[in-house]
PDB file of all heavy atoms in Angstrom:
ATOM      1  N   SER A   1      -6.430  -3.383 -10.366  1.00  0.00           N
ATOM      2  CA  SER A   1      -7.765  -3.107 -10.901  1.00  0.00           C
ATOM      3  C   SER A   1      -8.576  -2.270  -9.917  1.00  0.00           C
ATOM      4  O   SER A   1      -9.433  -1.470 -10.328  1.00  0.00           O
ATOM      5  CB  SER A   1      -8.506  -4.416 -11.222  1.00  0.00           C
ATOM      6  OG  SER A   1      -8.713  -5.184 -10.038  1.00  0.00           O
ATOM      7  N   VAL A   2      -8.317  -2.436  -8.602  1.00  0.00           N
ATOM      8  CA  VAL A   2      -9.003  -1.633  -7.586  1.00  0.00           C
ATOM      9  C   VAL A   2      -8.540  -0.182  -7.684  1.00  0.00           C
ATOM     10  O   VAL A   2      -9.342   0.753  -7.681  1.00  0.00           O
ATOM     11  CB  VAL A   2      -8.737  -2.191  -6.171  1.00  0.00           C
ATOM     12  CG1 VAL A   2      -9.425  -1.339  -5.116  1.00  0.00           C
ATOM     13  CG2 VAL A   2      -9.207  -3.644  -6.072  1.00  0.00           C
ATOM     14  N   THR A   3      -7.228  -0.004  -7.782  1.00  0.00           N
ATOM     15  CA  THR A   3      -6.656   1.337  -7.898  1.00  0.00           C
ATOM     16  C   THR A   3      -7.144   2.031  -9.159  1.00  0.00           C
ATOM     17  O   THR A   3      -7.552   3.201  -9.132  1.00  0.00           O
ATOM     18  CB  THR A   3      -5.121   1.252  -7.920  1.00  0.00           C
ATOM     19  OG1 THR A   3      -4.670   0.439  -6.833  1.00  0.00           O
ATOM     20  CG2 THR A   3      -4.496   2.630  -7.812  1.00  0.00           C
ATOM     21  N   GLU A   4      -7.128   1.310 -10.272  1.00  0.00           N
ATOM     22  CA  GLU A   4      -7.558   1.886 -11.546  1.00  0.00           C
ATOM     23  C   GLU A   4      -9.025   2.297 -11.497  1.00  0.00           C
ATOM     24  O   GLU A   4      -9.410   3.337 -12.044  1.00  0.00           O
ATOM     25  CB  GLU A   4      -7.309   0.872 -12.663  1.00  0.00           C
ATOM     26  CG  GLU A   4      -5.822   0.661 -12.949  1.00  0.00           C
ATOM     27  CD  GLU A   4      -5.557  -0.594 -13.752  1.00  0.00           C
ATOM     28  OE1 GLU A   4      -6.535  -1.307 -14.091  1.00  0.00           O
ATOM     29  OE2 GLU A   4      -4.376  -0.883 -14.037  1.00  0.00           O
ATOM     30  N   HIS A   5      -9.850   1.476 -10.845  1.00  0.00           N
ATOM     31  CA  HIS A   5     -11.273   1.800 -10.727  1.00  0.00           C
ATOM     32  C   HIS A   5     -11.459   3.101  -9.951  1.00  0.00           C
ATOM     33  O   HIS A   5     -12.210   3.997 -10.387  1.00  0.00           O
ATOM     34  CB  HIS A   5     -12.024   0.673 -10.027  1.00  0.00           C
ATOM     35  CG  HIS A   5     -13.384   1.050  -9.538  1.00  0.00           C
ATOM     36  ND1 HIS A   5     -14.455   1.235 -10.386  1.00  0.00           N
ATOM     37  CD2 HIS A   5     -13.846   1.319  -8.283  1.00  0.00           C
ATOM     38  CE1 HIS A   5     -15.516   1.591  -9.683  1.00  0.00           C
ATOM     39  NE2 HIS A   5     -15.177   1.647  -8.409  1.00  0.00           N
ATOM     40  N   LEU A   6     -10.794   3.224  -8.802  1.00  0.00           N
ATOM     41  CA  LEU A   6     -10.944   4.420  -7.976  1.00  0.00           C
ATOM     42  C   LEU A   6     -10.425   5.660  -8.695  1.00  0.00           C
ATOM     43  O   LEU A   6     -11.048   6.724  -8.655  1.00  0.00           O
ATOM     44  CB  LEU A   6     -10.228   4.229  -6.647  1.00  0.00           C
ATOM     45  CG  LEU A   6     -10.907   3.253  -5.669  1.00  0.00           C
ATOM     46  CD1 LEU A   6      -9.995   2.956  -4.488  1.00  0.00           C
ATOM     47  CD2 LEU A   6     -12.230   3.820  -5.176  1.00  0.00           C
ATOM     48  N   LEU A   7      -9.300   5.539  -9.374  1.00  0.00           N
ATOM     49  CA  LEU A   7      -8.754   6.680 -10.100  1.00  0.00           C
ATOM     50  C   LEU A   7      -9.669   7.088 -11.255  1.00  0.00           C
ATOM     51  O   LEU A   7      -9.797   8.280 -11.559  1.00  0.00           O
ATOM     52  CB  LEU A   7      -7.356   6.352 -10.618  1.00  0.00           C
ATOM     53  CG  LEU A   7      -6.258   6.231  -9.547  1.00  0.00           C
ATOM     54  CD1 LEU A   7      -4.946   5.773 -10.174  1.00  0.00           C
ATOM     55  CD2 LEU A   7      -6.058   7.560  -8.818  1.00  0.00           C
ATOM     56  N   SER A   8     -10.324   6.115 -11.877  1.00  0.00           N
ATOM     57  CA  SER A   8     -11.255   6.429 -12.965  1.00  0.00           C
ATOM     58  C   SER A   8     -12.464   7.200 -12.463  1.00  0.00           C
ATOM     59  O   SER A   8     -13.141   7.889 -13.230  1.00  0.00           O
ATOM     60  CB  SER A   8     -11.712   5.142 -13.666  1.00  0.00           C
ATOM     61  OG  SER A   8     -12.623   4.407 -12.861  1.00  0.00           O
ATOM     62  N   LYS A   9     -12.741   7.076 -11.145  1.00  0.00           N
ATOM     63  CA  LYS A   9     -13.849   7.797 -10.520  1.00  0.00           C
ATOM     64  C   LYS A   9     -13.380   9.093  -9.850  1.00  0.00           C
ATOM     65  O   LYS A   9     -14.140   9.722  -9.106  1.00  0.00           O
ATOM     66  CB  LYS A   9     -14.501   6.896  -9.462  1.00  0.00           C
ATOM     67  CG  LYS A   9     -15.176   5.644 -10.020  1.00  0.00           C
ATOM     68  CD  LYS A   9     -16.509   5.967 -10.651  1.00  0.00           C
ATOM     69  CE  LYS A   9     -17.261   4.725 -11.055  1.00  0.00           C
ATOM     70  NZ  LYS A   9     -18.625   5.031 -11.547  1.00  0.00           N
ATOM     71  N   ASN A  10     -12.119   9.455 -10.119  1.00  0.00           N
ATOM     72  CA  ASN A  10     -11.529  10.687  -9.551  1.00  0.00           C
ATOM     73  C   ASN A  10     -11.478  10.660  -8.025  1.00  0.00           C
ATOM     74  O   ASN A  10     -11.603  11.702  -7.366  1.00  0.00           O
ATOM     75  CB  ASN A  10     -12.293  11.920 -10.028  1.00  0.00           C
ATOM     76  CG  ASN A  10     -12.197  12.121 -11.525  1.00  0.00           C
ATOM     77  OD1 ASN A  10     -11.128  11.992 -12.113  1.00  0.00           O
ATOM     78  ND2 ASN A  10     -13.337  12.410 -12.163  1.00  0.00           N
ATOM     79  N   ALA A  11     -11.288   9.487  -7.454  1.00  0.00           N
ATOM     80  CA  ALA A  11     -11.183   9.363  -6.004  1.00  0.00           C
ATOM     81  C   ALA A  11      -9.854   9.920  -5.524  1.00  0.00           C
ATOM     82  O   ALA A  11      -8.859   9.952  -6.265  1.00  0.00           O
ATOM     83  CB  ALA A  11     -11.314   7.899  -5.590  1.00  0.00           C
ATOM     84  N   ASN A  12      -9.846  10.384  -4.283  1.00  0.00           N
ATOM     85  CA  ASN A  12      -8.633  10.890  -3.645  1.00  0.00           C
ATOM     86  C   ASN A  12      -7.845   9.692  -3.109  1.00  0.00           C
ATOM     87  O   ASN A  12      -8.194   9.111  -2.085  1.00  0.00           O
ATOM     88  CB  ASN A  12      -9.007  11.842  -2.516  1.00  0.00           C
ATOM     89  CG  ASN A  12      -7.783  12.478  -1.874  1.00  0.00           C
ATOM     90  OD1 ASN A  12      -6.662  12.339  -2.354  1.00  0.00           O
ATOM     91  ND2 ASN A  12      -7.995  13.173  -0.764  1.00  0.00           N
ATOM     92  N   VAL A  13      -6.789   9.302  -3.799  1.00  0.00           N
ATOM     93  CA  VAL A  13      -6.033   8.087  -3.501  1.00  0.00           C
ATOM     94  C   VAL A  13      -4.677   8.428  -2.887  1.00  0.00           C
ATOM     95  O   VAL A  13      -3.945   9.269  -3.414  1.00  0.00           O
ATOM     96  CB  VAL A  13      -5.838   7.240  -4.776  1.00  0.00           C
ATOM     97  CG1 VAL A  13      -4.839   6.119  -4.541  1.00  0.00           C
ATOM     98  CG2 VAL A  13      -7.174   6.683  -5.254  1.00  0.00           C
ATOM     99  N   VAL A  14      -4.366   7.768  -1.766  1.00  0.00           N
ATOM    100  CA  VAL A  14      -3.063   7.890  -1.122  1.00  0.00           C
ATOM    101  C   VAL A  14      -2.517   6.485  -0.893  1.00  0.00           C
ATOM    102  O   VAL A  14      -3.225   5.616  -0.382  1.00  0.00           O
ATOM    103  CB  VAL A  14      -3.159   8.649   0.225  1.00  0.00           C
ATOM    104  CG1 VAL A  14      -1.808   8.647   0.949  1.00  0.00           C
ATOM    105  CG2 VAL A  14      -3.638  10.080  -0.005  1.00  0.00           C
ATOM    106  N   GLY A  15      -1.274   6.252  -1.261  1.00  0.00           N
ATOM    107  CA  GLY A  15      -0.692   4.922  -1.147  1.00  0.00           C
ATOM    108  C   GLY A  15       0.060   4.705   0.155  1.00  0.00           C
ATOM    109  O   GLY A  15       0.459   5.648   0.838  1.00  0.00           O
ATOM    110  N   TRP A  16       0.244   3.434   0.506  1.00  0.00           N
ATOM    111  CA  TRP A  16       1.035   3.047   1.669  1.00  0.00           C
ATOM    112  C   TRP A  16       1.521   1.620   1.460  1.00  0.00           C
ATOM    113  O   TRP A  16       1.017   0.900   0.587  1.00  0.00           O
ATOM    114  CB  TRP A  16       0.225   3.171   2.963  1.00  0.00           C
ATOM    115  CG  TRP A  16      -1.042   2.351   3.002  1.00  0.00           C
ATOM    116  CD1 TRP A  16      -2.200   2.599   2.336  1.00  0.00           C
ATOM    117  CD2 TRP A  16      -1.259   1.147   3.734  1.00  0.00           C
ATOM    118  NE1 TRP A  16      -3.134   1.635   2.609  1.00  0.00           N
ATOM    119  CE2 TRP A  16      -2.589   0.740   3.480  1.00  0.00           C
ATOM    120  CE3 TRP A  16      -0.478   0.381   4.604  1.00  0.00           C
ATOM    121  CZ2 TRP A  16      -3.140  -0.422   4.034  1.00  0.00           C
ATOM    122  CZ3 TRP A  16      -1.026  -0.762   5.161  1.00  0.00           C
ATOM    123  CH2 TRP A  16      -2.347  -1.148   4.881  1.00  0.00           C
ATOM    124  N   HIS A  17       2.502   1.204   2.246  1.00  0.00           N
ATOM    125  CA  HIS A  17       3.098  -0.119   2.095  1.00  0.00           C
ATOM    126  C   HIS A  17       2.835  -0.958   3.347  1.00  0.00           C
ATOM    127  O   HIS A  17       3.247  -0.581   4.453  1.00  0.00           O
ATOM    128  CB  HIS A  17       4.606  -0.009   1.865  1.00  0.00           C
ATOM    129  CG  HIS A  17       4.976   0.769   0.633  1.00  0.00           C
ATOM    130  ND1 HIS A  17       4.778   0.289  -0.641  1.00  0.00           N
ATOM    131  CD2 HIS A  17       5.519   2.011   0.496  1.00  0.00           C
ATOM    132  CE1 HIS A  17       5.199   1.191  -1.520  1.00  0.00           C
ATOM    133  NE2 HIS A  17       5.644   2.238  -0.852  1.00  0.00           N
ATOM    134  N   ALA A  18       2.126  -2.063   3.185  1.00  0.00           N
ATOM    135  CA  ALA A  18       1.797  -2.951   4.296  1.00  0.00           C
ATOM    136  C   ALA A  18       2.948  -3.930   4.535  1.00  0.00           C
ATOM    137  O   ALA A  18       3.329  -4.685   3.635  1.00  0.00           O
ATOM    138  CB  ALA A  18       0.511  -3.720   4.001  1.00  0.00           C
ATOM    139  N   TYR A  19       3.490  -3.903   5.750  1.00  0.00           N
ATOM    140  CA  TYR A  19       4.622  -4.783   6.066  1.00  0.00           C
ATOM    141  C   TYR A  19       4.177  -6.230   6.223  1.00  0.00           C
ATOM    142  O   TYR A  19       3.126  -6.521   6.800  1.00  0.00           O
ATOM    143  CB  TYR A  19       5.303  -4.346   7.356  1.00  0.00           C
ATOM    144  CG  TYR A  19       6.438  -5.268   7.752  1.00  0.00           C
ATOM    145  CD1 TYR A  19       7.698  -5.105   7.198  1.00  0.00           C
ATOM    146  CD2 TYR A  19       6.228  -6.324   8.640  1.00  0.00           C
ATOM    147  CE1 TYR A  19       8.742  -5.956   7.534  1.00  0.00           C
ATOM    148  CE2 TYR A  19       7.255  -7.174   8.972  1.00  0.00           C
ATOM    149  CZ  TYR A  19       8.507  -7.004   8.418  1.00  0.00           C
ATOM    150  OH  TYR A  19       9.521  -7.860   8.749  1.00  0.00           O
ATOM    151  N   SER A  20       4.970  -7.131   5.686  1.00  0.00           N
ATOM    152  CA  SER A  20       4.834  -8.563   5.943  1.00  0.00           C
ATOM    153  C   SER A  20       6.211  -9.177   5.752  1.00  0.00           C
ATOM    154  O   SER A  20       7.100  -8.560   5.138  1.00  0.00           O
ATOM    155  CB  SER A  20       3.827  -9.215   4.985  1.00  0.00           C
ATOM    156  OG  SER A  20       4.322  -9.216   3.657  1.00  0.00           O
ATOM    157  N   THR A  21       6.408 -10.363   6.276  1.00  0.00           N
ATOM    158  CA  THR A  21       7.727 -10.991   6.150  1.00  0.00           C
ATOM    159  C   THR A  21       8.087 -11.259   4.688  1.00  0.00           C
ATOM    160  O   THR A  21       9.253 -11.181   4.304  1.00  0.00           O
ATOM    161  CB  THR A  21       7.766 -12.305   6.942  1.00  0.00           C
ATOM    162  OG1 THR A  21       6.649 -13.135   6.544  1.00  0.00           O
ATOM    163  CG2 THR A  21       7.663 -12.045   8.442  1.00  0.00           C
ATOM    164  N   SER A  22       7.079 -11.570   3.867  1.00  0.00           N
ATOM    165  CA  SER A  22       7.359 -11.826   2.454  1.00  0.00           C
ATOM    166  C   SER A  22       7.639 -10.533   1.689  1.00  0.00           C
ATOM    167  O   SER A  22       8.443 -10.506   0.754  1.00  0.00           O
ATOM    168  CB  SER A  22       6.182 -12.563   1.815  1.00  0.00           C
ATOM    169  OG  SER A  22       4.989 -11.813   1.933  1.00  0.00           O
ATOM    170  N   ALA A  23       6.969  -9.439   2.109  1.00  0.00           N
ATOM    171  CA  ALA A  23       7.168  -8.165   1.410  1.00  0.00           C
ATOM    172  C   ALA A  23       8.469  -7.481   1.819  1.00  0.00           C
ATOM    173  O   ALA A  23       8.997  -6.657   1.069  1.00  0.00           O
ATOM    174  CB  ALA A  23       5.992  -7.237   1.693  1.00  0.00           C
ATOM    175  N   ALA A  24       8.975  -7.821   3.004  1.00  0.00           N
ATOM    176  CA  ALA A  24      10.144  -7.124   3.550  1.00  0.00           C
ATOM    177  C   ALA A  24      11.394  -7.272   2.684  1.00  0.00           C
ATOM    178  O   ALA A  24      12.332  -6.478   2.806  1.00  0.00           O
ATOM    179  CB  ALA A  24      10.427  -7.622   4.964  1.00  0.00           C
ATOM    180  N   LYS A  25      11.412  -8.264   1.801  1.00  0.00           N
ATOM    181  CA  LYS A  25      12.593  -8.477   0.960  1.00  0.00           C
ATOM    182  C   LYS A  25      12.700  -7.438  -0.159  1.00  0.00           C
ATOM    183  O   LYS A  25      13.745  -7.306  -0.804  1.00  0.00           O
ATOM    184  CB  LYS A  25      12.567  -9.879   0.364  1.00  0.00           C
ATOM    185  CG  LYS A  25      11.379 -10.149  -0.537  1.00  0.00           C
ATOM    186  CD  LYS A  25      11.377 -11.606  -1.018  1.00  0.00           C
ATOM    187  CE  LYS A  25      10.163 -11.901  -1.892  1.00  0.00           C
ATOM    188  NZ  LYS A  25      10.135 -13.324  -2.320  1.00  0.00           N
ATOM    189  N   TYR A  26      11.615  -6.692  -0.381  1.00  0.00           N
ATOM    190  CA  TYR A  26      11.616  -5.696  -1.443  1.00  0.00           C
ATOM    191  C   TYR A  26      12.076  -4.335  -0.914  1.00  0.00           C
ATOM    192  O   TYR A  26      11.756  -3.953   0.201  1.00  0.00           O
ATOM    193  CB  TYR A  26      10.222  -5.560  -2.058  1.00  0.00           C
ATOM    194  CG  TYR A  26       9.740  -6.825  -2.733  1.00  0.00           C
ATOM    195  CD1 TYR A  26       8.808  -7.647  -2.109  1.00  0.00           C
ATOM    196  CD2 TYR A  26      10.213  -7.196  -3.988  1.00  0.00           C
ATOM    197  CE1 TYR A  26       8.361  -8.812  -2.706  1.00  0.00           C
ATOM    198  CE2 TYR A  26       9.772  -8.362  -4.596  1.00  0.00           C
ATOM    199  CZ  TYR A  26       8.849  -9.158  -3.958  1.00  0.00           C
ATOM    200  OH  TYR A  26       8.422 -10.312  -4.556  1.00  0.00           O
ATOM    201  N   LYS A  27      12.804  -3.624  -1.730  1.00  0.00           N
ATOM    202  CA  LYS A  27      13.273  -2.298  -1.359  1.00  0.00           C
ATOM    203  C   LYS A  27      12.203  -1.275  -1.697  1.00  0.00           C
ATOM    204  O   LYS A  27      11.689  -1.239  -2.819  1.00  0.00           O
ATOM    205  CB  LYS A  27      14.570  -1.967  -2.103  1.00  0.00           C
ATOM    206  CG  LYS A  27      15.191  -0.644  -1.678  1.00  0.00           C
ATOM    207  CD  LYS A  27      16.507  -0.403  -2.413  1.00  0.00           C
ATOM    208  CE  LYS A  27      17.122   0.925  -1.991  1.00  0.00           C
ATOM    209  NZ  LYS A  27      18.416   1.168  -2.696  1.00  0.00           N
ATOM    210  N   LEU A  28      11.871  -0.445  -0.733  1.00  0.00           N
ATOM    211  CA  LEU A  28      10.826   0.550  -0.940  1.00  0.00           C
ATOM    212  C   LEU A  28      11.365   1.778  -1.669  1.00  0.00           C
ATOM    213  O   LEU A  28      12.546   2.103  -1.547  1.00  0.00           O
ATOM    214  CB  LEU A  28      10.233   0.977   0.407  1.00  0.00           C
ATOM    215  CG  LEU A  28       9.472  -0.082   1.187  1.00  0.00           C
ATOM    216  CD1 LEU A  28       8.944   0.511   2.489  1.00  0.00           C
ATOM    217  CD2 LEU A  28       8.320  -0.651   0.368  1.00  0.00           C
ATOM    218  N   PRO A  29      10.506   2.468  -2.393  1.00  0.00           N
ATOM    219  CA  PRO A  29      10.930   3.714  -3.052  1.00  0.00           C
ATOM    220  C   PRO A  29      11.353   4.745  -2.002  1.00  0.00           C
ATOM    221  O   PRO A  29      10.867   4.725  -0.859  1.00  0.00           O
ATOM    222  CB  PRO A  29       9.662   4.170  -3.787  1.00  0.00           C
ATOM    223  CG  PRO A  29       8.835   2.930  -3.949  1.00  0.00           C
ATOM    224  CD  PRO A  29       9.122   2.095  -2.737  1.00  0.00           C
ATOM    225  N   PRO A  30      12.238   5.641  -2.338  1.00  0.00           N
ATOM    226  CA  PRO A  30      12.689   6.679  -1.388  1.00  0.00           C
ATOM    227  C   PRO A  30      11.519   7.480  -0.829  1.00  0.00           C
ATOM    228  O   PRO A  30      10.565   7.790  -1.546  1.00  0.00           O
ATOM    229  CB  PRO A  30      13.602   7.561  -2.255  1.00  0.00           C
ATOM    230  CG  PRO A  30      14.035   6.674  -3.381  1.00  0.00           C
ATOM    231  CD  PRO A  30      12.906   5.757  -3.653  1.00  0.00           C
ATOM    232  N   GLY A  31      11.599   7.773   0.464  1.00  0.00           N
ATOM    233  CA  GLY A  31      10.578   8.582   1.108  1.00  0.00           C
ATOM    234  C   GLY A  31       9.361   7.817   1.584  1.00  0.00           C
ATOM    235  O   GLY A  31       8.440   8.417   2.147  1.00  0.00           O
ATOM    236  N   THR A  32       9.317   6.504   1.362  1.00  0.00           N
ATOM    237  CA  THR A  32       8.192   5.697   1.833  1.00  0.00           C
ATOM    238  C   THR A  32       8.668   4.719   2.901  1.00  0.00           C
ATOM    239  O   THR A  32       9.875   4.535   3.104  1.00  0.00           O
ATOM    240  CB  THR A  32       7.519   4.926   0.685  1.00  0.00           C
ATOM    241  OG1 THR A  32       8.456   3.993   0.112  1.00  0.00           O
ATOM    242  CG2 THR A  32       7.053   5.876  -0.404  1.00  0.00           C
ATOM    243  N   PHE A  33       7.734   4.078   3.580  1.00  0.00           N
ATOM    244  CA  PHE A  33       8.087   3.222   4.715  1.00  0.00           C
ATOM    245  C   PHE A  33       7.000   2.163   4.892  1.00  0.00           C
ATOM    246  O   PHE A  33       5.907   2.252   4.327  1.00  0.00           O
ATOM    247  CB  PHE A  33       8.231   4.056   5.991  1.00  0.00           C
ATOM    248  CG  PHE A  33       7.070   4.981   6.234  1.00  0.00           C
ATOM    249  CD1 PHE A  33       5.934   4.567   6.907  1.00  0.00           C
ATOM    250  CD2 PHE A  33       7.106   6.300   5.767  1.00  0.00           C
ATOM    251  CE1 PHE A  33       4.867   5.415   7.102  1.00  0.00           C
ATOM    252  CE2 PHE A  33       6.042   7.160   5.969  1.00  0.00           C
ATOM    253  CZ  PHE A  33       4.909   6.716   6.640  1.00  0.00           C
ATOM    254  N   TRP A  34       7.320   1.171   5.705  1.00  0.00           N
ATOM    255  CA  TRP A  34       6.365   0.098   5.989  1.00  0.00           C
ATOM    256  C   TRP A  34       5.383   0.535   7.078  1.00  0.00           C
ATOM    257  O   TRP A  34       5.752   1.244   8.006  1.00  0.00           O
ATOM    258  CB  TRP A  34       7.087  -1.156   6.477  1.00  0.00           C
ATOM    259  CG  TRP A  34       7.981  -1.826   5.488  1.00  0.00           C
ATOM    260  CD1 TRP A  34       9.348  -1.919   5.544  1.00  0.00           C
ATOM    261  CD2 TRP A  34       7.597  -2.498   4.291  1.00  0.00           C
ATOM    262  NE1 TRP A  34       9.835  -2.606   4.470  1.00  0.00           N
ATOM    263  CE2 TRP A  34       8.781  -2.974   3.676  1.00  0.00           C
ATOM    264  CE3 TRP A  34       6.369  -2.752   3.677  1.00  0.00           C
ATOM    265  CZ2 TRP A  34       8.758  -3.688   2.480  1.00  0.00           C
ATOM    266  CZ3 TRP A  34       6.345  -3.449   2.478  1.00  0.00           C
ATOM    267  CH2 TRP A  34       7.531  -3.914   1.897  1.00  0.00           C
ATOM    268  N   VAL A  35       4.146   0.062   6.972  1.00  0.00           N
ATOM    269  CA  VAL A  35       3.141   0.243   8.020  1.00  0.00           C
ATOM    270  C   VAL A  35       2.819  -1.134   8.581  1.00  0.00           C
ATOM    271  O   VAL A  35       2.438  -2.036   7.840  1.00  0.00           O
ATOM    272  CB  VAL A  35       1.854   0.894   7.473  1.00  0.00           C
ATOM    273  CG1 VAL A  35       0.793   0.982   8.575  1.00  0.00           C
ATOM    274  CG2 VAL A  35       2.156   2.274   6.921  1.00  0.00           C
ATOM    275  N   ILE A  36       3.024  -1.306   9.885  1.00  0.00           N
ATOM    276  CA  ILE A  36       2.783  -2.601  10.511  1.00  0.00           C
ATOM    277  C   ILE A  36       1.310  -2.720  10.899  1.00  0.00           C
ATOM    278  O   ILE A  36       0.555  -1.756  10.860  1.00  0.00           O
ATOM    279  CB  ILE A  36       3.684  -2.815  11.744  1.00  0.00           C
ATOM    280  CG1 ILE A  36       3.375  -1.755  12.813  1.00  0.00           C
ATOM    281  CG2 ILE A  36       5.153  -2.762  11.347  1.00  0.00           C
ATOM    282  CD1 ILE A  36       4.103  -2.018  14.120  1.00  0.00           C
ATOM    283  N   GLY A  37       0.913  -3.919  11.305  1.00  0.00           N
ATOM    284  CA  GLY A  37      -0.472  -4.122  11.716  1.00  0.00           C
ATOM    285  C   GLY A  37      -0.869  -5.577  11.616  1.00  0.00           C
ATOM    286  O   GLY A  37      -0.021  -6.464  11.485  1.00  0.00           O
ATOM    287  N   GLY A  38      -2.164  -5.829  11.672  1.00  0.00           N
ATOM    288  CA  GLY A  38      -2.673  -7.187  11.707  1.00  0.00           C
ATOM    289  C   GLY A  38      -2.885  -7.794  10.338  1.00  0.00           C
ATOM    290  O   GLY A  38      -2.344  -7.342   9.329  1.00  0.00           O
ATOM    291  N   THR A  39      -3.749  -8.822  10.313  1.00  0.00           N
ATOM    292  CA  THR A  39      -3.914  -9.636   9.111  1.00  0.00           C
ATOM    293  C   THR A  39      -4.958  -9.092   8.141  1.00  0.00           C
ATOM    294  O   THR A  39      -5.090  -9.608   7.039  1.00  0.00           O
ATOM    295  CB  THR A  39      -4.315 -11.060   9.511  1.00  0.00           C
ATOM    296  OG1 THR A  39      -5.508 -11.008  10.317  1.00  0.00           O
ATOM    297  CG2 THR A  39      -3.212 -11.734  10.307  1.00  0.00           C
ATOM    298  N   CYS A  40      -5.728  -8.098   8.552  1.00  0.00           N
ATOM    299  CA  CYS A  40      -6.784  -7.578   7.685  1.00  0.00           C
ATOM    300  C   CYS A  40      -6.737  -6.052   7.674  1.00  0.00           C
ATOM    301  O   CYS A  40      -6.036  -5.427   8.478  1.00  0.00           O
ATOM    302  CB  CYS A  40      -8.155  -8.058   8.144  1.00  0.00           C
ATOM    303  SG  CYS A  40      -8.613  -7.487   9.807  1.00  0.00           S
ATOM    304  N   SER A  41      -7.492  -5.452   6.754  1.00  0.00           N
ATOM    305  CA  SER A  41      -7.437  -3.997   6.597  1.00  0.00           C
ATOM    306  C   SER A  41      -7.920  -3.256   7.841  1.00  0.00           C
ATOM    307  O   SER A  41      -7.431  -2.163   8.141  1.00  0.00           O
ATOM    308  CB  SER A  41      -8.250  -3.565   5.382  1.00  0.00           C
ATOM    309  OG  SER A  41      -9.583  -4.034   5.456  1.00  0.00           O
ATOM    310  N   ALA A  42      -8.880  -3.836   8.582  1.00  0.00           N
ATOM    311  CA  ALA A  42      -9.387  -3.167   9.787  1.00  0.00           C
ATOM    312  C   ALA A  42      -8.286  -2.994  10.824  1.00  0.00           C
ATOM    313  O   ALA A  42      -8.171  -1.936  11.459  1.00  0.00           O
ATOM    314  CB  ALA A  42     -10.554  -3.957  10.370  1.00  0.00           C
TER     315      ALA A  42
END
């Protein structure tokens, strides 16, 4: 719903994949990669 809202406002959207131990079990689409970091967006 966040993504849809921004796209409806014609925002410049770029995606990324946040690494976590639970997410690591999923296979990422070709050409993308995990971004490591802390517990919050900051």
